[in-house]
């Protein structure tokens, strides 16, 4: 079966870009585009000496670092949850009556 994917055309700081979103779909892709655009514009507002391409690259790096941080936090929380669930199961096992 052939999968048809929509191409999104957008502009960030004067650069025209075509983007073909993956599984997440068009709505998430548009949110990602807006996030990059807002971040790049914010960097330019604070650092007027930056070239547009530098601002876009720094925005991408900033967002990638945020993503890495969230992935690490997610992994730590998942491990804590697994540990707590394991401890709870052990406790249930300890207090449950044994069949005779």
N, C-alpha and C. Protein backbone atom coordinates (compact mmCIF):
# COMPACT_ATOMS: atom_id res chain seq x y z
N UNK A 1 0.84 -1.17 0.00
CA UNK A 1 0.00 0.00 0.00
C UNK A 1 0.89 1.24 0.00
N UNK A 2 0.62 2.16 -0.88
CA UNK A 2 1.40 3.38 -0.98
C UNK A 2 0.84 4.44 -0.05
N UNK A 3 1.72 5.04 0.71
CA UNK A 3 1.31 6.07 1.68
C UNK A 3 1.53 7.45 1.06
N UNK A 4 0.48 8.25 1.08
CA UNK A 4 0.57 9.60 0.56
C UNK A 4 0.80 10.54 1.73
N UNK A 5 1.86 11.33 1.64
CA UNK A 5 2.17 12.26 2.72
C UNK A 5 2.05 13.68 2.20
N UNK A 6 1.42 14.52 2.98
CA UNK A 6 1.24 15.92 2.62
C UNK A 6 2.54 16.69 2.84
N UNK A 7 2.84 17.57 1.92
CA UNK A 7 4.01 18.43 2.03
C UNK A 7 3.53 19.79 2.53
N UNK A 8 4.21 20.31 3.54
CA UNK A 8 3.88 21.62 4.09
C UNK A 8 4.93 22.61 3.60
N UNK A 9 4.48 23.70 3.02
CA UNK A 9 5.36 24.79 2.63
C UNK A 9 5.27 25.86 3.70
N UNK A 10 6.41 26.33 4.17
CA UNK A 10 6.39 27.38 5.18
C UNK A 10 7.60 28.27 5.03
N UNK A 11 7.58 29.36 5.77
CA UNK A 11 8.65 30.35 5.70
C UNK A 11 9.13 30.66 7.10
N UNK A 12 10.44 30.65 7.28
CA UNK A 12 11.05 31.07 8.54
C UNK A 12 12.13 32.08 8.19
N UNK A 13 11.96 33.29 8.68
CA UNK A 13 12.91 34.38 8.47
C UNK A 13 13.29 34.55 7.00
N UNK A 14 12.30 34.46 6.14
CA UNK A 14 12.51 34.68 4.72
C UNK A 14 12.93 33.45 3.93
N UNK A 15 13.17 32.33 4.58
CA UNK A 15 13.57 31.11 3.89
C UNK A 15 12.33 30.25 3.65
N UNK A 16 12.11 29.88 2.40
CA UNK A 16 11.00 29.01 2.04
C UNK A 16 11.46 27.56 2.19
N UNK A 17 10.67 26.78 2.90
CA UNK A 17 11.04 25.40 3.19
C UNK A 17 9.85 24.48 2.93
N UNK A 18 10.14 23.30 2.39
CA UNK A 18 9.11 22.27 2.24
C UNK A 18 9.39 21.21 3.29
N UNK A 19 8.34 20.77 3.93
CA UNK A 19 8.47 19.81 5.03
C UNK A 19 7.43 18.73 4.86
N UNK A 20 7.86 17.47 4.93
CA UNK A 20 6.95 16.34 4.82
C UNK A 20 6.89 15.67 6.20
N UNK A 21 5.83 15.94 6.95
CA UNK A 21 5.75 15.39 8.32
C UNK A 21 5.69 13.87 8.32
N UNK A 22 6.21 13.30 9.39
CA UNK A 22 6.18 11.85 9.56
C UNK A 22 4.82 11.44 10.11
N UNK A 23 4.81 10.46 10.93
CA UNK A 23 3.59 9.86 11.46
C UNK A 23 2.72 10.84 12.25
N UNK A 24 3.32 11.79 12.95
CA UNK A 24 2.59 12.68 13.83
C UNK A 24 1.54 13.50 13.10
N UNK A 25 1.73 13.75 11.83
CA UNK A 25 0.73 14.46 11.06
C UNK A 25 0.97 15.94 10.92
N UNK A 26 0.08 16.55 10.17
CA UNK A 26 0.21 17.95 9.79
C UNK A 26 0.08 18.89 10.98
N UNK A 27 -0.85 18.63 11.88
CA UNK A 27 -1.06 19.53 13.02
C UNK A 27 0.20 19.65 13.87
N UNK A 28 0.82 18.52 14.19
CA UNK A 28 2.06 18.55 14.98
C UNK A 28 3.20 19.20 14.20
N UNK A 29 3.23 18.97 12.91
CA UNK A 29 4.27 19.57 12.08
C UNK A 29 4.13 21.09 12.08
N UNK A 30 2.92 21.58 12.00
CA UNK A 30 2.69 23.03 12.02
C UNK A 30 3.10 23.62 13.37
N UNK A 31 2.83 22.89 14.45
CA UNK A 31 3.26 23.35 15.78
C UNK A 31 4.79 23.40 15.86
N UNK A 32 5.45 22.42 15.27
CA UNK A 32 6.91 22.39 15.27
C UNK A 32 7.47 23.57 14.48
N UNK A 33 6.88 23.83 13.33
CA UNK A 33 7.31 24.96 12.51
C UNK A 33 7.15 26.26 13.29
N UNK A 34 6.01 26.44 13.94
CA UNK A 34 5.76 27.65 14.73
C UNK A 34 6.77 27.79 15.86
N UNK A 35 7.09 26.67 16.52
CA UNK A 35 8.05 26.70 17.62
C UNK A 35 9.42 27.14 17.14
N UNK A 36 9.88 26.60 16.02
CA UNK A 36 11.18 26.98 15.47
C UNK A 36 11.16 28.46 15.09
N UNK A 37 10.09 28.87 14.43
CA UNK A 37 9.97 30.27 13.99
C UNK A 37 10.01 31.22 15.19
N UNK A 38 9.21 30.94 16.22
CA UNK A 38 9.17 31.80 17.41
C UNK A 38 10.52 31.83 18.12
N UNK A 39 11.16 30.69 18.22
CA UNK A 39 12.46 30.61 18.89
C UNK A 39 13.51 31.41 18.12
N UNK A 40 13.53 31.25 16.81
CA UNK A 40 14.50 31.97 15.98
C UNK A 40 14.26 33.48 16.06
N UNK A 41 13.00 33.88 15.99
CA UNK A 41 12.68 35.32 16.07
C UNK A 41 13.06 35.88 17.44
N UNK A 42 12.83 35.10 18.50
CA UNK A 42 13.22 35.52 19.84
C UNK A 42 14.72 35.70 19.97
N UNK A 43 15.48 34.79 19.37
CA UNK A 43 16.94 34.91 19.39
C UNK A 43 17.39 36.15 18.64
N UNK A 44 16.75 36.43 17.52
CA UNK A 44 17.12 37.63 16.75
C UNK A 44 16.77 38.91 17.51
N UNK A 45 15.65 38.89 18.24
CA UNK A 45 15.28 40.06 19.03
C UNK A 45 16.32 40.36 20.10
N UNK A 46 16.87 39.31 20.69
CA UNK A 46 17.86 39.48 21.76
C UNK A 46 19.27 39.70 21.24
N UNK A 47 19.54 39.22 20.03
CA UNK A 47 20.89 39.29 19.44
C UNK A 47 20.79 39.76 18.00
N UNK A 48 20.61 41.05 17.82
CA UNK A 48 20.40 41.62 16.48
C UNK A 48 21.57 41.38 15.53
N UNK A 49 22.76 41.11 16.07
CA UNK A 49 23.93 40.92 15.22
C UNK A 49 23.94 39.56 14.53
N UNK A 50 23.06 38.64 14.95
CA UNK A 50 23.02 37.31 14.33
C UNK A 50 22.47 37.38 12.92
N UNK A 51 23.04 36.57 12.05
CA UNK A 51 22.45 36.39 10.72
C UNK A 51 21.22 35.49 10.88
N UNK A 52 20.30 35.59 9.94
CA UNK A 52 19.09 34.77 10.01
C UNK A 52 19.42 33.29 10.10
N UNK A 53 20.39 32.85 9.30
CA UNK A 53 20.75 31.43 9.30
C UNK A 53 21.32 31.01 10.66
N UNK A 54 22.08 31.90 11.29
CA UNK A 54 22.61 31.60 12.63
C UNK A 54 21.47 31.47 13.63
N UNK A 55 20.49 32.36 13.55
CA UNK A 55 19.35 32.31 14.47
C UNK A 55 18.56 31.02 14.29
N UNK A 56 18.36 30.61 13.04
CA UNK A 56 17.62 29.38 12.77
C UNK A 56 18.39 28.17 13.32
N UNK A 57 19.70 28.15 13.08
CA UNK A 57 20.52 27.04 13.58
C UNK A 57 20.53 27.01 15.10
N UNK A 58 20.69 28.17 15.74
CA UNK A 58 20.68 28.22 17.20
C UNK A 58 19.32 27.83 17.76
N UNK A 59 18.25 28.19 17.06
CA UNK A 59 16.90 27.79 17.49
C UNK A 59 16.77 26.27 17.44
N UNK A 60 17.26 25.68 16.36
CA UNK A 60 17.19 24.22 16.23
C UNK A 60 18.00 23.54 17.33
N UNK A 61 19.19 24.08 17.62
CA UNK A 61 20.02 23.51 18.70
C UNK A 61 19.34 23.66 20.05
N UNK A 62 18.75 24.82 20.30
CA UNK A 62 18.06 25.06 21.57
C UNK A 62 16.91 24.07 21.75
N UNK A 63 16.13 23.89 20.69
CA UNK A 63 15.00 22.96 20.76
C UNK A 63 15.46 21.52 20.89
N UNK A 64 16.57 21.17 20.25
CA UNK A 64 17.11 19.82 20.38
C UNK A 64 17.58 19.56 21.81
N UNK A 65 18.21 20.56 22.44
CA UNK A 65 18.63 20.40 23.84
C UNK A 65 17.43 20.23 24.76
N UNK A 66 16.38 21.01 24.50
CA UNK A 66 15.16 20.86 25.30
C UNK A 66 14.58 19.45 25.14
N UNK A 67 14.61 18.95 23.91
CA UNK A 67 14.10 17.61 23.64
C UNK A 67 14.91 16.55 24.37
N UNK A 68 16.23 16.68 24.34
CA UNK A 68 17.10 15.73 25.04
C UNK A 68 16.81 15.76 26.54
N UNK A 69 16.66 16.95 27.09
CA UNK A 69 16.36 17.09 28.51
C UNK A 69 15.03 16.41 28.86
N UNK A 70 14.02 16.62 28.03
CA UNK A 70 12.71 15.99 28.27
C UNK A 70 12.79 14.47 28.15
N UNK A 71 13.57 13.98 27.18
CA UNK A 71 13.73 12.53 27.03
C UNK A 71 14.40 11.93 28.27
N UNK A 72 15.42 12.61 28.79
CA UNK A 72 16.09 12.11 30.00
C UNK A 72 15.13 12.12 31.19
N UNK A 73 14.39 13.22 31.34
CA UNK A 73 13.43 13.33 32.45
C UNK A 73 12.37 12.23 32.34
N UNK A 74 11.90 11.97 31.13
CA UNK A 74 10.92 10.92 30.89
C UNK A 74 11.48 9.56 31.30
N UNK A 75 12.72 9.29 30.91
CA UNK A 75 13.35 8.00 31.23
C UNK A 75 13.50 7.83 32.74
N UNK A 76 13.94 8.89 33.43
CA UNK A 76 14.09 8.84 34.89
C UNK A 76 12.73 8.58 35.55
N UNK A 77 11.71 9.29 35.10
CA UNK A 77 10.37 9.11 35.68
C UNK A 77 9.82 7.73 35.39
N UNK A 78 10.09 7.20 34.20
CA UNK A 78 9.64 5.85 33.85
C UNK A 78 10.33 4.82 34.76
N UNK A 79 11.62 4.99 34.99
CA UNK A 79 12.35 4.07 35.86
C UNK A 79 11.82 4.14 37.30
N UNK A 80 11.51 5.36 37.78
CA UNK A 80 10.94 5.52 39.12
C UNK A 80 9.58 4.83 39.21
N UNK A 81 8.78 5.00 38.17
CA UNK A 81 7.45 4.38 38.15
C UNK A 81 7.57 2.86 38.15
N UNK A 82 8.47 2.31 37.35
CA UNK A 82 8.68 0.86 37.30
C UNK A 82 9.14 0.33 38.66
N UNK A 83 10.02 1.07 39.31
CA UNK A 83 10.51 0.67 40.62
C UNK A 83 9.38 0.69 41.66
N UNK A 84 8.58 1.75 41.63
CA UNK A 84 7.46 1.87 42.56
C UNK A 84 6.44 0.76 42.31
N UNK A 85 6.17 0.46 41.06
CA UNK A 85 5.22 -0.61 40.73
C UNK A 85 5.75 -1.96 41.20
N UNK A 86 7.04 -2.18 41.03
CA UNK A 86 7.65 -3.43 41.48
C UNK A 86 7.57 -3.55 43.00
N UNK A 87 7.87 -2.45 43.70
CA UNK A 87 7.78 -2.45 45.17
C UNK A 87 6.35 -2.71 45.62
N UNK A 88 5.38 -2.12 44.94
CA UNK A 88 3.97 -2.32 45.30
C UNK A 88 3.56 -3.77 45.10
N UNK A 89 4.01 -4.37 44.01
CA UNK A 89 3.69 -5.79 43.77
C UNK A 89 4.31 -6.69 44.83
N UNK A 90 5.54 -6.38 45.25
CA UNK A 90 6.18 -7.16 46.31
C UNK A 90 5.40 -7.03 47.61
N UNK A 91 4.96 -5.81 47.92
CA UNK A 91 4.19 -5.58 49.14
C UNK A 91 2.86 -6.34 49.09
N UNK A 92 2.19 -6.31 47.96
CA UNK A 92 0.93 -7.05 47.81
C UNK A 92 1.18 -8.53 47.99
N UNK A 93 2.27 -9.01 47.43
CA UNK A 93 2.63 -10.43 47.56
C UNK A 93 2.87 -10.79 49.03
N UNK A 94 3.51 -9.89 49.78
CA UNK A 94 3.83 -10.16 51.18
C UNK A 94 2.58 -10.21 52.05
N UNK A 95 1.61 -9.36 51.77
CA UNK A 95 0.43 -9.27 52.65
C UNK A 95 -0.73 -10.13 52.16
N UNK A 96 -0.64 -10.69 50.97
CA UNK A 96 -1.71 -11.54 50.47
C UNK A 96 -1.67 -12.90 51.16
N UNK A 97 -2.87 -13.41 51.49
CA UNK A 97 -2.89 -14.74 52.11
C UNK A 97 -2.43 -15.81 51.12
N UNK A 98 -1.72 -16.78 51.66
CA UNK A 98 -1.22 -17.87 50.84
C UNK A 98 -2.27 -18.97 50.76
N UNK A 99 -2.46 -19.53 49.55
CA UNK A 99 -3.41 -20.65 49.45
C UNK A 99 -2.86 -21.87 50.20
N UNK A 100 -3.77 -22.61 50.79
CA UNK A 100 -3.33 -23.75 51.61
C UNK A 100 -3.42 -25.04 50.89
